[in-house]
């Protein structure tokens, strides 16, 4: 069983030891989309949602989530993240908000999970703030878009 990175030779779960890895600049970019009814989309854009400014609240939630990923995902390391950015790209044609999160660190392990968690929690925050008027919202296509740094090098998703 030792060929698995998170399982020791006796089949017990473990956190990967990154002590011997050299710190390097590591960057990850993740994306996801929240689809909604046209009225919900307009309320978000016009900042007329009763609970407040949806996108700024979701931005804060996404940043906080990236910093706390290690508390949510069992084998993630606590990290000294150097930068988190959460951005929103409204898509009126589809009544959707595209969310992107970028995370950076100079460290011994990557930040893909942190970027994915930031997008996920930002999307859930949008849902939470708008659910009273639109329970049919759909969170979709949460994915790693690109990452760089570390032993595995660069990855960039090729869109079809």
Protein backbone atom coordinates (compact mmCIF):
# COMPACT_ATOMS: atom_id res chain seq x y z
CA UNK A 1 0.00 0.00 0.00
CA UNK A 2 2.97 2.36 0.30
CA UNK A 3 2.46 3.57 -3.31
CA UNK A 4 -0.33 5.82 -2.01
CA UNK A 5 0.95 9.15 -0.74
CA UNK A 6 -1.65 9.48 2.03
CA UNK A 7 -1.48 5.86 3.26
CA UNK A 8 1.47 4.36 5.11
CA UNK A 9 2.88 0.85 4.63
CA UNK A 10 0.36 -0.56 7.13
CA UNK A 11 -2.70 1.00 5.49
CA UNK A 12 -3.09 3.90 7.93
CA UNK A 13 -4.01 7.35 6.68
CA UNK A 14 -1.30 9.97 7.02
CA UNK A 15 -0.49 13.51 6.04
CA UNK A 16 2.28 13.67 3.44
CA UNK A 17 5.61 14.78 4.90
CA UNK A 18 6.81 17.82 2.93
CA UNK A 19 9.76 18.58 5.22
CA UNK A 20 12.37 17.77 2.59
CA UNK A 21 10.76 19.79 -0.21
CA UNK A 22 12.31 23.10 -1.19
CA UNK A 23 9.97 26.07 -0.84
CA UNK A 24 8.95 27.54 -4.19
CA UNK A 25 6.39 29.96 -5.54
CA UNK A 26 3.16 28.06 -6.06
CA UNK A 27 0.04 29.53 -7.64
CA UNK A 28 -3.40 28.03 -8.27
CA UNK A 29 -6.42 29.44 -10.09
CA UNK A 30 -9.86 27.85 -9.71
CA UNK A 31 -13.23 28.72 -11.23
CA UNK A 32 -16.88 27.96 -10.69
CA UNK A 33 -20.28 29.32 -11.74
CA UNK A 34 -23.56 30.07 -10.00
CA UNK A 35 -26.60 30.06 -12.30
CA UNK A 36 -29.77 31.81 -11.14
CA UNK A 37 -33.09 33.33 -12.13
CA UNK A 38 -32.92 36.65 -14.04
CA UNK A 39 -34.45 38.56 -11.11
CA UNK A 40 -31.83 37.18 -8.71
CA UNK A 41 -29.06 38.12 -11.12
CA UNK A 42 -30.41 41.68 -11.39
CA UNK A 43 -30.80 42.00 -7.61
CA UNK A 44 -27.17 41.00 -7.12
CA UNK A 45 -25.98 43.43 -9.79
CA UNK A 46 -28.13 46.27 -8.41
CA UNK A 47 -27.19 45.44 -4.80
CA UNK A 48 -30.83 45.12 -3.79
CA UNK A 49 -30.63 41.71 -2.11
CA UNK A 50 -32.12 42.11 1.38
CA UNK A 51 -29.15 40.47 3.12
CA UNK A 52 -26.68 43.02 1.74
CA UNK A 53 -23.89 43.17 -0.81
CA UNK A 54 -23.77 39.60 -2.05
CA UNK A 55 -20.52 39.68 -4.01
CA UNK A 56 -18.45 41.49 -1.40
CA UNK A 57 -19.73 39.12 1.28
CA UNK A 58 -18.90 36.16 -0.98
CA UNK A 59 -15.44 37.61 -1.64
CA UNK A 60 -14.69 37.78 2.09
CA UNK A 61 -16.07 34.26 2.59
CA UNK A 62 -13.88 32.91 -0.23
CA UNK A 63 -10.74 34.51 1.18
CA UNK A 64 -11.50 33.21 4.66
CA UNK A 65 -12.20 29.73 3.27
CA UNK A 66 -8.85 29.58 1.45
CA UNK A 67 -7.09 30.38 4.73
CA UNK A 68 -9.04 27.67 6.58
CA UNK A 69 -8.90 24.88 3.99
CA UNK A 70 -6.63 22.79 6.23
CA UNK A 71 -9.44 22.75 8.83
CA UNK A 72 -11.94 21.34 6.30
CA UNK A 73 -9.97 18.88 4.16
CA UNK A 74 -8.39 16.21 6.39
CA UNK A 75 -4.97 15.80 4.73
CA UNK A 76 -4.31 19.44 3.80
CA UNK A 77 -1.42 21.20 5.48
CA UNK A 78 -1.92 24.46 7.37
CA UNK A 79 -0.32 27.02 5.07
CA UNK A 80 1.11 30.49 5.33
CA UNK A 81 -0.71 31.77 2.24
CA UNK A 82 0.77 34.98 0.86
CA UNK A 83 -2.15 36.09 -1.34
CA UNK A 84 -5.77 35.23 -2.08
CA UNK A 85 -7.87 37.00 -4.67
CA UNK A 86 -11.53 36.25 -5.39
CA UNK A 87 -13.12 37.86 -8.46
CA UNK A 88 -16.59 37.76 -9.99
CA UNK A 89 -17.50 37.91 -13.64
CA UNK A 90 -21.23 38.51 -14.23
CA UNK A 91 -22.67 36.77 -17.29
CA UNK A 92 -26.01 38.42 -18.10
CA UNK A 93 -26.67 36.16 -21.10
CA UNK A 94 -26.77 33.11 -18.79
CA UNK A 95 -27.91 34.84 -15.58
CA UNK A 96 -24.76 33.57 -13.95
CA UNK A 97 -21.88 34.74 -11.82
CA UNK A 98 -18.51 33.20 -12.65
CA UNK A 99 -16.19 33.06 -9.65
CA UNK A 100 -12.40 32.86 -9.89
CA UNK A 101 -10.01 32.46 -6.99
CA UNK A 102 -6.25 32.77 -7.19
CA UNK A 103 -4.04 31.67 -4.31
CA UNK A 104 -0.27 32.14 -3.92
CA UNK A 105 2.31 30.84 -1.52
CA UNK A 106 6.04 30.41 -1.24
CA UNK A 107 6.02 27.02 0.35
CA UNK A 108 6.54 23.29 0.22
CA UNK A 109 3.09 22.26 -0.97
CA UNK A 110 0.58 23.52 -3.52
CA UNK A 111 -2.53 25.65 -3.07
CA UNK A 112 -4.96 23.97 -5.46
CA UNK A 113 -7.28 22.90 -2.65
CA UNK A 114 -7.25 26.41 -1.21
CA UNK A 115 -8.28 27.95 -4.55
CA UNK A 116 -11.02 25.33 -5.05
CA UNK A 117 -12.28 25.85 -1.51
CA UNK A 118 -12.37 29.63 -1.99
CA UNK A 119 -14.53 29.25 -5.11
CA UNK A 120 -16.79 26.71 -3.43
CA UNK A 121 -17.44 28.79 -0.33
CA UNK A 122 -17.91 32.00 -2.35
CA UNK A 123 -20.53 30.15 -4.44
CA UNK A 124 -22.24 28.79 -1.33
CA UNK A 125 -22.31 32.30 0.12
CA UNK A 126 -24.04 33.63 -2.99
CA UNK A 127 -26.56 30.83 -2.64
CA UNK A 128 -27.08 31.49 1.07
CA UNK A 129 -27.64 35.20 0.59
CA UNK A 130 -30.14 34.71 -2.26
CA UNK A 131 -31.89 31.45 -1.36
CA UNK A 132 -34.97 33.12 0.12
CA UNK A 133 -35.97 34.29 -3.36
CA UNK A 134 -34.29 31.66 -5.58
CA UNK A 135 -33.85 28.13 -4.24
CA UNK A 136 -33.28 26.86 -7.79
CA UNK A 137 -29.83 28.42 -8.10
CA UNK A 138 -27.25 25.96 -9.42
CA UNK A 139 -23.59 25.83 -8.47
CA UNK A 140 -21.65 24.28 -11.32
CA UNK A 141 -18.29 23.50 -12.89
CA UNK A 142 -15.96 24.09 -9.95
CA UNK A 143 -12.54 23.27 -11.36
CA UNK A 144 -8.84 23.91 -11.24
CA UNK A 145 -7.97 26.16 -14.18
CA UNK A 146 -4.23 26.30 -13.73
CA UNK A 147 -1.43 25.81 -11.26
CA UNK A 148 2.29 26.35 -11.25
CA UNK A 149 5.21 25.51 -9.02
CA UNK A 150 6.33 22.42 -7.23
CA UNK A 151 7.53 19.05 -8.45
CA UNK A 152 4.64 18.48 -10.87
CA UNK A 153 5.23 21.83 -12.60
CA UNK A 154 2.65 23.74 -14.59
CA UNK A 155 -0.91 22.66 -15.37
CA UNK A 156 -3.36 24.59 -17.53
CA UNK A 157 -6.85 23.33 -18.30
CA UNK A 158 -7.61 23.17 -22.00
CA UNK A 159 -11.18 24.31 -22.60
CA UNK A 160 -13.15 22.37 -25.19
